Amino acid sequence: DYTRQYEHVCRAIIEFCILKGMVVLDEKLEIVPMSYEAI
């Protein structure tokens, strides 16, 4: 929800995905770099 504070949640999900060997795909189904700034 980009109308609210989301940095903490976003960073935590990224860290979780890195630790568990997962990738994040955007709405165009492309891999997203695993950083808060990129997201």
PDB file of all heavy atoms in Angstrom:
ATOM      1  N   ASP A   1       0.878  -1.177   0.000  1.00  0.00           N
ATOM      2  CA  ASP A   1       0.000   0.000   0.000  1.00  0.00           C
ATOM      3  C   ASP A   1       0.909   1.218   0.000  1.00  0.00           C
ATOM      4  O   ASP A   1       1.504   1.560   1.020  1.00  0.00           O
ATOM      5  CB  ASP A   1      -0.878  -0.031   1.252  1.00  0.00           C
ATOM      6  CG  ASP A   1      -1.769   1.192   1.402  1.00  0.00           C
ATOM      7  OD1 ASP A   1      -1.591   2.181   0.653  1.00  0.00           O
ATOM      8  OD2 ASP A   1      -2.635   1.155   2.287  1.00  0.00           O
ATOM      9  N   TYR A   2       1.034   1.853  -1.155  1.00  0.00           N
ATOM     10  CA  TYR A   2       1.981   2.964  -1.273  1.00  0.00           C
ATOM     11  C   TYR A   2       1.449   4.272  -0.707  1.00  0.00           C
ATOM     12  O   TYR A   2       2.136   5.286  -0.750  1.00  0.00           O
ATOM     13  CB  TYR A   2       2.471   3.140  -2.712  1.00  0.00           C
ATOM     14  CG  TYR A   2       1.404   3.159  -3.765  1.00  0.00           C
ATOM     15  CD1 TYR A   2       0.612   4.266  -3.984  1.00  0.00           C
ATOM     16  CD2 TYR A   2       1.201   2.044  -4.568  1.00  0.00           C
ATOM     17  CE1 TYR A   2      -0.360   4.273  -4.962  1.00  0.00           C
ATOM     18  CE2 TYR A   2       0.246   2.042  -5.555  1.00  0.00           C
ATOM     19  CZ  TYR A   2      -0.531   3.157  -5.747  1.00  0.00           C
ATOM     20  OH  TYR A   2      -1.496   3.155  -6.723  1.00  0.00           O
ATOM     21  N   THR A   3       0.242   4.256  -0.109  1.00  0.00           N
ATOM     22  CA  THR A   3      -0.258   5.456   0.563  1.00  0.00           C
ATOM     23  C   THR A   3       0.095   5.434   2.058  1.00  0.00           C
ATOM     24  O   THR A   3      -0.204   6.377   2.767  1.00  0.00           O
ATOM     25  CB  THR A   3      -1.789   5.591   0.419  1.00  0.00           C
ATOM     26  OG1 THR A   3      -2.425   4.509   1.114  1.00  0.00           O
ATOM     27  CG2 THR A   3      -2.193   5.604  -1.044  1.00  0.00           C
ATOM     28  N   ARG A   4       0.688   4.350   2.491  1.00  0.00           N
ATOM     29  CA  ARG A   4       1.089   4.200   3.895  1.00  0.00           C
ATOM     30  C   ARG A   4       2.575   3.900   3.971  1.00  0.00           C
ATOM     31  O   ARG A   4       3.210   3.592   2.980  1.00  0.00           O
ATOM     32  CB  ARG A   4       0.319   3.052   4.548  1.00  0.00           C
ATOM     33  CG  ARG A   4      -1.158   3.301   4.589  1.00  0.00           C
ATOM     34  CD  ARG A   4      -1.856   2.099   5.165  1.00  0.00           C
ATOM     35  NE  ARG A   4      -3.293   2.284   5.062  1.00  0.00           N
ATOM     36  CZ  ARG A   4      -4.093   2.346   6.102  1.00  0.00           C
ATOM     37  NH1 ARG A   4      -3.616   2.243   7.313  1.00  0.00           N
ATOM     38  NH2 ARG A   4      -5.374   2.510   5.933  1.00  0.00           N
ATOM     39  N   GLN A   5       3.088   3.905   5.159  1.00  0.00           N
ATOM     40  CA  GLN A   5       4.488   3.560   5.384  1.00  0.00           C
ATOM     41  C   GLN A   5       4.668   2.075   5.057  1.00  0.00           C
ATOM     42  O   GLN A   5       3.954   1.241   5.593  1.00  0.00           O
ATOM     43  CB  GLN A   5       4.861   3.859   6.836  1.00  0.00           C
ATOM     44  CG  GLN A   5       6.261   3.504   7.213  1.00  0.00           C
ATOM     45  CD  GLN A   5       7.321   4.131   6.330  1.00  0.00           C
ATOM     46  OE1 GLN A   5       7.931   3.433   5.546  1.00  0.00           O
ATOM     47  NE2 GLN A   5       7.518   5.425   6.448  1.00  0.00           N
ATOM     48  N   TYR A   6       5.599   1.753   4.189  1.00  0.00           N
ATOM     49  CA  TYR A   6       5.796   0.348   3.831  1.00  0.00           C
ATOM     50  C   TYR A   6       7.264  -0.089   3.833  1.00  0.00           C
ATOM     51  O   TYR A   6       7.569  -1.253   3.567  1.00  0.00           O
ATOM     52  CB  TYR A   6       5.163   0.032   2.472  1.00  0.00           C
ATOM     53  CG  TYR A   6       5.761   0.769   1.292  1.00  0.00           C
ATOM     54  CD1 TYR A   6       6.869   0.255   0.614  1.00  0.00           C
ATOM     55  CD2 TYR A   6       5.214   1.963   0.835  1.00  0.00           C
ATOM     56  CE1 TYR A   6       7.408   0.914  -0.480  1.00  0.00           C
ATOM     57  CE2 TYR A   6       5.746   2.624  -0.252  1.00  0.00           C
ATOM     58  CZ  TYR A   6       6.836   2.095  -0.913  1.00  0.00           C
ATOM     59  OH  TYR A   6       7.364   2.747  -1.994  1.00  0.00           O
ATOM     60  N   GLU A   7       8.164   0.789   4.157  1.00  0.00           N
ATOM     61  CA  GLU A   7       9.582   0.443   4.086  1.00  0.00           C
ATOM     62  C   GLU A   7       9.935  -0.752   4.966  1.00  0.00           C
ATOM     63  O   GLU A   7      10.595  -1.699   4.503  1.00  0.00           O
ATOM     64  CB  GLU A   7      10.464   1.635   4.449  1.00  0.00           C
ATOM     65  CG  GLU A   7      11.936   1.304   4.332  1.00  0.00           C
ATOM     66  CD  GLU A   7      12.856   2.500   4.553  1.00  0.00           C
ATOM     67  OE1 GLU A   7      12.369   3.638   4.738  1.00  0.00           O
ATOM     68  OE2 GLU A   7      14.086   2.282   4.526  1.00  0.00           O
ATOM     69  N   HIS A   8       9.506  -0.750   6.218  1.00  0.00           N
ATOM     70  CA  HIS A   8       9.852  -1.835   7.135  1.00  0.00           C
ATOM     71  C   HIS A   8       9.326  -3.180   6.618  1.00  0.00           C
ATOM     72  O   HIS A   8      10.056  -4.184   6.592  1.00  0.00           O
ATOM     73  CB  HIS A   8       9.296  -1.553   8.539  1.00  0.00           C
ATOM     74  CG  HIS A   8       9.468  -2.680   9.491  1.00  0.00           C
ATOM     75  ND1 HIS A   8      10.701  -3.041  10.005  1.00  0.00           N
ATOM     76  CD2 HIS A   8       8.571  -3.572   9.999  1.00  0.00           C
ATOM     77  CE1 HIS A   8      10.551  -4.095  10.792  1.00  0.00           C
ATOM     78  NE2 HIS A   8       9.276  -4.427  10.810  1.00  0.00           N
ATOM     79  N   VAL A   9       8.071  -3.209   6.206  1.00  0.00           N
ATOM     80  CA  VAL A   9       7.455  -4.441   5.694  1.00  0.00           C
ATOM     81  C   VAL A   9       8.182  -4.907   4.440  1.00  0.00           C
ATOM     82  O   VAL A   9       8.520  -6.086   4.303  1.00  0.00           O
ATOM     83  CB  VAL A   9       5.954  -4.209   5.391  1.00  0.00           C
ATOM     84  CG1 VAL A   9       5.367  -5.366   4.612  1.00  0.00           C
ATOM     85  CG2 VAL A   9       5.191  -3.966   6.672  1.00  0.00           C
ATOM     86  N   CYS A  10       8.450  -4.001   3.547  1.00  0.00           N
ATOM     87  CA  CYS A  10       9.111  -4.330   2.291  1.00  0.00           C
ATOM     88  C   CYS A  10      10.510  -4.896   2.536  1.00  0.00           C
ATOM     89  O   CYS A  10      10.881  -5.943   1.976  1.00  0.00           O
ATOM     90  CB  CYS A  10       9.167  -3.091   1.410  1.00  0.00           C
ATOM     91  SG  CYS A  10       9.738  -3.420  -0.267  1.00  0.00           S
ATOM     92  N   ARG A  11      11.277  -4.232   3.363  1.00  0.00           N
ATOM     93  CA  ARG A  11      12.636  -4.715   3.661  1.00  0.00           C
ATOM     94  C   ARG A  11      12.601  -6.108   4.315  1.00  0.00           C
ATOM     95  O   ARG A  11      13.424  -6.965   4.021  1.00  0.00           O
ATOM     96  CB  ARG A  11      13.370  -3.726   4.561  1.00  0.00           C
ATOM     97  CG  ARG A  11      13.806  -2.454   3.836  1.00  0.00           C
ATOM     98  CD  ARG A  11      14.657  -1.571   4.745  1.00  0.00           C
ATOM     99  NE  ARG A  11      14.967  -0.301   4.136  1.00  0.00           N
ATOM    100  CZ  ARG A  11      15.952  -0.103   3.272  1.00  0.00           C
ATOM    101  NH1 ARG A  11      16.719  -1.116   2.902  1.00  0.00           N
ATOM    102  NH2 ARG A  11      16.174   1.098   2.760  1.00  0.00           N
ATOM    103  N   ALA A  12      11.636  -6.326   5.200  1.00  0.00           N
ATOM    104  CA  ALA A  12      11.533  -7.615   5.881  1.00  0.00           C
ATOM    105  C   ALA A  12      11.154  -8.729   4.903  1.00  0.00           C
ATOM    106  O   ALA A  12      11.703  -9.837   4.972  1.00  0.00           O
ATOM    107  CB  ALA A  12      10.513  -7.520   7.010  1.00  0.00           C
ATOM    108  N   ILE A  13      10.240  -8.455   3.994  1.00  0.00           N
ATOM    109  CA  ILE A  13       9.855  -9.464   3.001  1.00  0.00           C
ATOM    110  C   ILE A  13      11.029  -9.767   2.071  1.00  0.00           C
ATOM    111  O   ILE A  13      11.294 -10.930   1.756  1.00  0.00           O
ATOM    112  CB  ILE A  13       8.607  -9.019   2.210  1.00  0.00           C
ATOM    113  CG1 ILE A  13       7.384  -9.030   3.133  1.00  0.00           C
ATOM    114  CG2 ILE A  13       8.381  -9.923   0.992  1.00  0.00           C
ATOM    115  CD1 ILE A  13       6.129  -8.429   2.530  1.00  0.00           C
ATOM    116  N   ILE A  14      11.768  -8.760   1.671  1.00  0.00           N
ATOM    117  CA  ILE A  14      12.948  -8.963   0.827  1.00  0.00           C
ATOM    118  C   ILE A  14      13.955  -9.858   1.549  1.00  0.00           C
ATOM    119  O   ILE A  14      14.468 -10.822   0.974  1.00  0.00           O
ATOM    120  CB  ILE A  14      13.596  -7.622   0.446  1.00  0.00           C
ATOM    121  CG1 ILE A  14      12.703  -6.856  -0.511  1.00  0.00           C
ATOM    122  CG2 ILE A  14      14.988  -7.835  -0.163  1.00  0.00           C
ATOM    123  CD1 ILE A  14      13.097  -5.396  -0.692  1.00  0.00           C
ATOM    124  N   GLU A  15      14.234  -9.545   2.804  1.00  0.00           N
ATOM    125  CA  GLU A  15      15.188 -10.340   3.576  1.00  0.00           C
ATOM    126  C   GLU A  15      14.704 -11.785   3.702  1.00  0.00           C
ATOM    127  O   GLU A  15      15.483 -12.731   3.541  1.00  0.00           O
ATOM    128  CB  GLU A  15      15.395  -9.726   4.958  1.00  0.00           C
ATOM    129  CG  GLU A  15      16.408 -10.476   5.785  1.00  0.00           C
ATOM    130  CD  GLU A  15      16.649  -9.822   7.142  1.00  0.00           C
ATOM    131  OE1 GLU A  15      16.259  -8.659   7.351  1.00  0.00           O
ATOM    132  OE2 GLU A  15      17.221 -10.511   8.001  1.00  0.00           O
ATOM    133  N   PHE A  16      13.427 -11.963   3.985  1.00  0.00           N
ATOM    134  CA  PHE A  16      12.852 -13.302   4.095  1.00  0.00           C
ATOM    135  C   PHE A  16      13.043 -14.068   2.787  1.00  0.00           C
ATOM    136  O   PHE A  16      13.473 -15.222   2.794  1.00  0.00           O
ATOM    137  CB  PHE A  16      11.358 -13.198   4.445  1.00  0.00           C
ATOM    138  CG  PHE A  16      10.659 -14.521   4.533  1.00  0.00           C
ATOM    139  CD1 PHE A  16      10.677 -15.240   5.705  1.00  0.00           C
ATOM    140  CD2 PHE A  16       9.986 -15.044   3.435  1.00  0.00           C
ATOM    141  CE1 PHE A  16      10.033 -16.474   5.798  1.00  0.00           C
ATOM    142  CE2 PHE A  16       9.344 -16.265   3.509  1.00  0.00           C
ATOM    143  CZ  PHE A  16       9.372 -16.981   4.695  1.00  0.00           C
ATOM    144  N   CYS A  17      12.749 -13.428   1.671  1.00  0.00           N
ATOM    145  CA  CYS A  17      12.881 -14.077   0.364  1.00  0.00           C
ATOM    146  C   CYS A  17      14.335 -14.458   0.068  1.00  0.00           C
ATOM    147  O   CYS A  17      14.600 -15.554  -0.430  1.00  0.00           O
ATOM    148  CB  CYS A  17      12.337 -13.178  -0.743  1.00  0.00           C
ATOM    149  SG  CYS A  17      10.538 -13.035  -0.718  1.00  0.00           S
ATOM    150  N   ILE A  18      15.251 -13.586   0.377  1.00  0.00           N
ATOM    151  CA  ILE A  18      16.674 -13.883   0.161  1.00  0.00           C
ATOM    152  C   ILE A  18      17.077 -15.097   0.996  1.00  0.00           C
ATOM    153  O   ILE A  18      17.700 -16.032   0.488  1.00  0.00           O
ATOM    154  CB  ILE A  18      17.552 -12.658   0.488  1.00  0.00           C
ATOM    155  CG1 ILE A  18      17.331 -11.552  -0.552  1.00  0.00           C
ATOM    156  CG2 ILE A  18      19.026 -13.054   0.548  1.00  0.00           C
ATOM    157  CD1 ILE A  18      17.945 -10.214  -0.178  1.00  0.00           C
ATOM    158  N   LEU A  19      16.705 -15.094   2.271  1.00  0.00           N
ATOM    159  CA  LEU A  19      17.082 -16.187   3.171  1.00  0.00           C
ATOM    160  C   LEU A  19      16.452 -17.520   2.780  1.00  0.00           C
ATOM    161  O   LEU A  19      17.047 -18.578   2.993  1.00  0.00           O
ATOM    162  CB  LEU A  19      16.703 -15.852   4.613  1.00  0.00           C
ATOM    163  CG  LEU A  19      17.493 -14.723   5.263  1.00  0.00           C
ATOM    164  CD1 LEU A  19      16.897 -14.356   6.622  1.00  0.00           C
ATOM    165  CD2 LEU A  19      18.964 -15.113   5.411  1.00  0.00           C
ATOM    166  N   LYS A  20      15.262 -17.479   2.186  1.00  0.00           N
ATOM    167  CA  LYS A  20      14.543 -18.705   1.837  1.00  0.00           C
ATOM    168  C   LYS A  20      14.733 -19.103   0.370  1.00  0.00           C
ATOM    169  O   LYS A  20      14.114 -20.059  -0.099  1.00  0.00           O
ATOM    170  CB  LYS A  20      13.041 -18.554   2.127  1.00  0.00           C
ATOM    171  CG  LYS A  20      12.717 -18.228   3.574  1.00  0.00           C
ATOM    172  CD  LYS A  20      13.168 -19.314   4.519  1.00  0.00           C
ATOM    173  CE  LYS A  20      12.794 -18.978   5.952  1.00  0.00           C
ATOM    174  NZ  LYS A  20      13.280 -19.931   6.909  1.00  0.00           N
ATOM    175  N   GLY A  21      15.575 -18.381  -0.377  1.00  0.00           N
ATOM    176  CA  GLY A  21      15.848 -18.750  -1.766  1.00  0.00           C
ATOM    177  C   GLY A  21      14.690 -18.485  -2.707  1.00  0.00           C
ATOM    178  O   GLY A  21      14.379 -19.302  -3.573  1.00  0.00           O
ATOM    179  N   MET A  22      14.061 -17.337  -2.557  1.00  0.00           N
ATOM    180  CA  MET A  22      12.913 -16.972  -3.385  1.00  0.00           C
ATOM    181  C   MET A  22      13.210 -15.717  -4.187  1.00  0.00           C
ATOM    182  O   MET A  22      14.097 -14.948  -3.833  1.00  0.00           O
ATOM    183  CB  MET A  22      11.686 -16.766  -2.504  1.00  0.00           C
ATOM    184  CG  MET A  22      11.294 -18.016  -1.776  1.00  0.00           C
ATOM    185  SD  MET A  22       9.889 -17.731  -0.710  1.00  0.00           S
ATOM    186  CE  MET A  22       9.865 -19.273   0.165  1.00  0.00           C
ATOM    187  N   VAL A  23      12.452 -15.546  -5.252  1.00  0.00           N
ATOM    188  CA  VAL A  23      12.552 -14.335  -6.060  1.00  0.00           C
ATOM    189  C   VAL A  23      11.205 -13.632  -6.056  1.00  0.00           C
ATOM    190  O   VAL A  23      10.164 -14.244  -5.844  1.00  0.00           O
ATOM    191  CB  VAL A  23      13.004 -14.626  -7.518  1.00  0.00           C
ATOM    192  CG1 VAL A  23      14.409 -15.165  -7.558  1.00  0.00           C
ATOM    193  CG2 VAL A  23      12.042 -15.543  -8.236  1.00  0.00           C
ATOM    194  N   VAL A  24      11.255 -12.335  -6.291  1.00  0.00           N
ATOM    195  CA  VAL A  24      10.063 -11.506  -6.336  1.00  0.00           C
ATOM    196  C   VAL A  24       9.854 -11.075  -7.786  1.00  0.00           C
ATOM    197  O   VAL A  24      10.784 -10.634  -8.453  1.00  0.00           O
ATOM    198  CB  VAL A  24      10.227 -10.265  -5.422  1.00  0.00           C
ATOM    199  CG1 VAL A  24       9.054  -9.318  -5.572  1.00  0.00           C
ATOM    200  CG2 VAL A  24      10.406 -10.695  -3.971  1.00  0.00           C
ATOM    201  N   LEU A  25       8.612 -11.224  -8.257  1.00  0.00           N
ATOM    202  CA  LEU A  25       8.248 -10.812  -9.608  1.00  0.00           C
ATOM    203  C   LEU A  25       7.304  -9.625  -9.531  1.00  0.00           C
ATOM    204  O   LEU A  25       6.402  -9.590  -8.690  1.00  0.00           O
ATOM    205  CB  LEU A  25       7.553 -11.961 -10.356  1.00  0.00           C
ATOM    206  CG  LEU A  25       8.285 -13.295 -10.402  1.00  0.00           C
ATOM    207  CD1 LEU A  25       7.424 -14.344 -11.102  1.00  0.00           C
ATOM    208  CD2 LEU A  25       9.624 -13.154 -11.087  1.00  0.00           C
ATOM    209  N   ASP A  26       7.501  -8.666 -10.424  1.00  0.00           N
ATOM    210  CA  ASP A  26       6.616  -7.505 -10.446  1.00  0.00           C
ATOM    211  C   ASP A  26       5.345  -7.832 -11.231  1.00  0.00           C
ATOM    212  O   ASP A  26       5.130  -8.978 -11.643  1.00  0.00           O
ATOM    213  CB  ASP A  26       7.338  -6.274 -10.992  1.00  0.00           C
ATOM    214  CG  ASP A  26       7.740  -6.393 -12.460  1.00  0.00           C
ATOM    215  OD1 ASP A  26       7.266  -7.308 -13.175  1.00  0.00           O
ATOM    216  OD2 ASP A  26       8.548  -5.563 -12.904  1.00  0.00           O
ATOM    217  N   GLU A  27       4.516  -6.833 -11.475  1.00  0.00           N
ATOM    218  CA  GLU A  27       3.258  -7.055 -12.178  1.00  0.00           C
ATOM    219  C   GLU A  27       3.450  -7.382 -13.654  1.00  0.00           C
ATOM    220  O   GLU A  27       2.527  -7.849 -14.313  1.00  0.00           O
ATOM    221  CB  GLU A  27       2.323  -5.860 -11.984  1.00  0.00           C
ATOM    222  CG  GLU A  27       1.842  -5.779 -10.540  1.00  0.00           C
ATOM    223  CD  GLU A  27       0.881  -4.645 -10.273  1.00  0.00           C
ATOM    224  OE1 GLU A  27       0.696  -3.767 -11.141  1.00  0.00           O
ATOM    225  OE2 GLU A  27       0.311  -4.628  -9.166  1.00  0.00           O
ATOM    226  N   LYS A  28       4.657  -7.163 -14.165  1.00  0.00           N
ATOM    227  CA  LYS A  28       4.983  -7.557 -15.542  1.00  0.00           C
ATOM    228  C   LYS A  28       5.672  -8.922 -15.563  1.00  0.00           C
ATOM    229  O   LYS A  28       6.146  -9.363 -16.594  1.00  0.00           O
ATOM    230  CB  LYS A  28       5.886  -6.505 -16.183  1.00  0.00           C
ATOM    231  CG  LYS A  28       5.198  -5.166 -16.352  1.00  0.00           C
ATOM    232  CD  LYS A  28       6.147  -4.137 -16.910  1.00  0.00           C
ATOM    233  CE  LYS A  28       5.461  -2.788 -16.964  1.00  0.00           C
ATOM    234  NZ  LYS A  28       6.403  -1.712 -17.303  1.00  0.00           N
ATOM    235  N   LEU A  29       5.741  -9.558 -14.399  1.00  0.00           N
ATOM    236  CA  LEU A  29       6.332 -10.881 -14.201  1.00  0.00           C
ATOM    237  C   LEU A  29       7.825 -10.906 -14.480  1.00  0.00           C
ATOM    238  O   LEU A  29       8.378 -11.911 -14.926  1.00  0.00           O
ATOM    239  CB  LEU A  29       5.599 -11.937 -15.031  1.00  0.00           C
ATOM    240  CG  LEU A  29       4.090 -12.019 -14.763  1.00  0.00           C
ATOM    241  CD1 LEU A  29       3.447 -13.047 -15.659  1.00  0.00           C
ATOM    242  CD2 LEU A  29       3.820 -12.313 -13.293  1.00  0.00           C
ATOM    243  N   GLU A  30       8.476  -9.803 -14.173  1.00  0.00           N
ATOM    244  CA  GLU A  30       9.930  -9.711 -14.284  1.00  0.00           C
ATOM    245  C   GLU A  30      10.526  -9.737 -12.881  1.00  0.00           C
ATOM    246  O   GLU A  30       9.943  -9.216 -11.936  1.00  0.00           O
ATOM    247  CB  GLU A  30      10.315  -8.421 -15.005  1.00  0.00           C
ATOM    248  CG  GLU A  30       9.817  -8.384 -16.445  1.00  0.00           C
ATOM    249  CD  GLU A  30      10.070  -7.059 -17.137  1.00  0.00           C
ATOM    250  OE1 GLU A  30      10.641  -6.136 -16.514  1.00  0.00           O
ATOM    251  OE2 GLU A  30       9.680  -6.939 -18.300  1.00  0.00           O
ATOM    252  N   ILE A  31      11.706 -10.349 -12.776  1.00  0.00           N
ATOM    253  CA  ILE A  31      12.369 -10.405 -11.471  1.00  0.00           C
ATOM    254  C   ILE A  31      12.717  -8.998 -11.014  1.00  0.00           C
ATOM    255  O   ILE A  31      13.231  -8.187 -11.780  1.00  0.00           O
ATOM    256  CB  ILE A  31      13.638 -11.275 -11.526  1.00  0.00           C
ATOM    257  CG1 ILE A  31      13.256 -12.739 -11.655  1.00  0.00           C
ATOM    258  CG2 ILE A  31      14.479 -11.078 -10.281  1.00  0.00           C
ATOM    259  CD1 ILE A  31      14.425 -13.688 -11.606  1.00  0.00           C
ATOM    260  N   VAL A  32      12.421  -8.737  -9.751  1.00  0.00           N
ATOM    261  CA  VAL A  32      12.697  -7.448  -9.134  1.00  0.00           C
ATOM    262  C   VAL A  32      14.017  -7.551  -8.369  1.00  0.00           C
ATOM    263  O   VAL A  32      14.225  -8.512  -7.641  1.00  0.00           O
ATOM    264  CB  VAL A  32      11.554  -7.077  -8.154  1.00  0.00           C
ATOM    265  CG1 VAL A  32      11.848  -5.792  -7.424  1.00  0.00           C
ATOM    266  CG2 VAL A  32      10.226  -6.999  -8.885  1.00  0.00           C
ATOM    267  N   PRO A  33      14.901  -6.578  -8.536  1.00  0.00           N
ATOM    268  CA  PRO A  33      16.117  -6.595  -7.699  1.00  0.00           C
ATOM    269  C   PRO A  33      15.716  -6.598  -6.228  1.00  0.00           C
ATOM    270  O   PRO A  33      14.766  -5.934  -5.823  1.00  0.00           O
ATOM    271  CB  PRO A  33      16.825  -5.282  -8.072  1.00  0.00           C
ATOM    272  CG  PRO A  33      16.306  -4.959  -9.440  1.00  0.00           C
ATOM    273  CD  PRO A  33      14.881  -5.445  -9.461  1.00  0.00           C
ATOM    274  N   MET A  34      16.436  -7.360  -5.445  1.00  0.00           N
ATOM    275  CA  MET A  34      16.085  -7.538  -4.038  1.00  0.00           C
ATOM    276  C   MET A  34      16.604  -6.387  -3.185  1.00  0.00           C
ATOM    277  O   MET A  34      17.488  -6.554  -2.340  1.00  0.00           O
ATOM    278  CB  MET A  34      16.619  -8.868  -3.532  1.00  0.00           C
ATOM    279  CG  MET A  34      16.008 -10.059  -4.246  1.00  0.00           C
ATOM    280  SD  MET A  34      14.245 -10.172  -4.010  1.00  0.00           S
ATOM    281  CE  MET A  34      14.168 -11.658  -3.071  1.00  0.00           C
ATOM    282  N   SER A  35      16.018  -5.208  -3.404  1.00  0.00           N
ATOM    283  CA  SER A  35      16.351  -4.049  -2.579  1.00  0.00           C
ATOM    284  C   SER A  35      15.109  -3.175  -2.439  1.00  0.00           C
ATOM    285  O   SER A  35      14.295  -3.075  -3.361  1.00  0.00           O
ATOM    286  CB  SER A  35      17.495  -3.241  -3.195  1.00  0.00           C
ATOM    287  OG  SER A  35      17.046  -2.452  -4.264  1.00  0.00           O
ATOM    288  N   TYR A  36      15.007  -2.554  -1.291  1.00  0.00           N
ATOM    289  CA  TYR A  36      13.886  -1.654  -1.038  1.00  0.00           C
ATOM    290  C   TYR A  36      13.867  -0.518  -2.060  1.00  0.00           C
ATOM    291  O   TYR A  36      12.812  -0.155  -2.584  1.00  0.00           O
ATOM    292  CB  TYR A  36      13.961  -1.097   0.387  1.00  0.00           C
ATOM    293  CG  TYR A  36      13.027   0.067   0.592  1.00  0.00           C
ATOM    294  CD1 TYR A  36      11.651  -0.152   0.688  1.00  0.00           C
ATOM    295  CD2 TYR A  36      13.498   1.371   0.667  1.00  0.00           C
ATOM    296  CE1 TYR A  36      10.776   0.907   0.846  1.00  0.00           C
ATOM    297  CE2 TYR A  36      12.620   2.433   0.837  1.00  0.00           C
ATOM    298  CZ  TYR A  36      11.266   2.197   0.925  1.00  0.00           C
ATOM    299  OH  TYR A  36      10.404   3.248   1.073  1.00  0.00           O
ATOM    300  N   GLU A  37      15.029   0.034  -2.359  1.00  0.00           N
ATOM    301  CA  GLU A  37      15.115   1.163  -3.283  1.00  0.00           C
ATOM    302  C   GLU A  37      14.581   0.790  -4.662  1.00  0.00           C
ATOM    303  O   GLU A  37      13.884   1.578  -5.304  1.00  0.00           O
ATOM    304  CB  GLU A  37      16.551   1.668  -3.371  1.00  0.00           C
ATOM    305  CG  GLU A  37      17.066   2.331  -2.097  1.00  0.00           C
ATOM    306  CD  GLU A  37      17.414   1.356  -0.965  1.00  0.00           C
ATOM    307  OE1 GLU A  37      17.571   0.133  -1.219  1.00  0.00           O
ATOM    308  OE2 GLU A  37      17.515   1.829   0.180  1.00  0.00           O
ATOM    309  N   ALA A  38      14.895  -0.433  -5.136  1.00  0.00           N
ATOM    310  CA  ALA A  38      14.417  -0.881  -6.446  1.00  0.00           C
ATOM    311  C   ALA A  38      12.897  -1.043  -6.441  1.00  0.00           C
ATOM    312  O   ALA A  38      12.219  -0.639  -7.391  1.00  0.00           O
ATOM    313  CB  ALA A  38      15.091  -2.191  -6.837  1.00  0.00           C
ATOM    314  N   ILE A  39      12.375  -1.608  -5.367  1.00  0.00           N
ATOM    315  CA  ILE A  39      10.921  -1.802  -5.281  1.00  0.00           C
ATOM    316  C   ILE A  39      10.215  -0.456  -5.161  1.00  0.00           C
ATOM    317  O   ILE A  39       9.199  -0.209  -5.816  1.00  0.00           O
ATOM    318  CB  ILE A  39      10.564  -2.752  -4.129  1.00  0.00           C
ATOM    319  CG1 ILE A  39      10.986  -4.174  -4.526  1.00  0.00           C
ATOM    320  CG2 ILE A  39       9.090  -2.671  -3.764  1.00  0.00           C
ATOM    321  CD1 ILE A  39      10.744  -5.228  -3.485  1.00  0.00           C
TER     322      ILE A  39
END
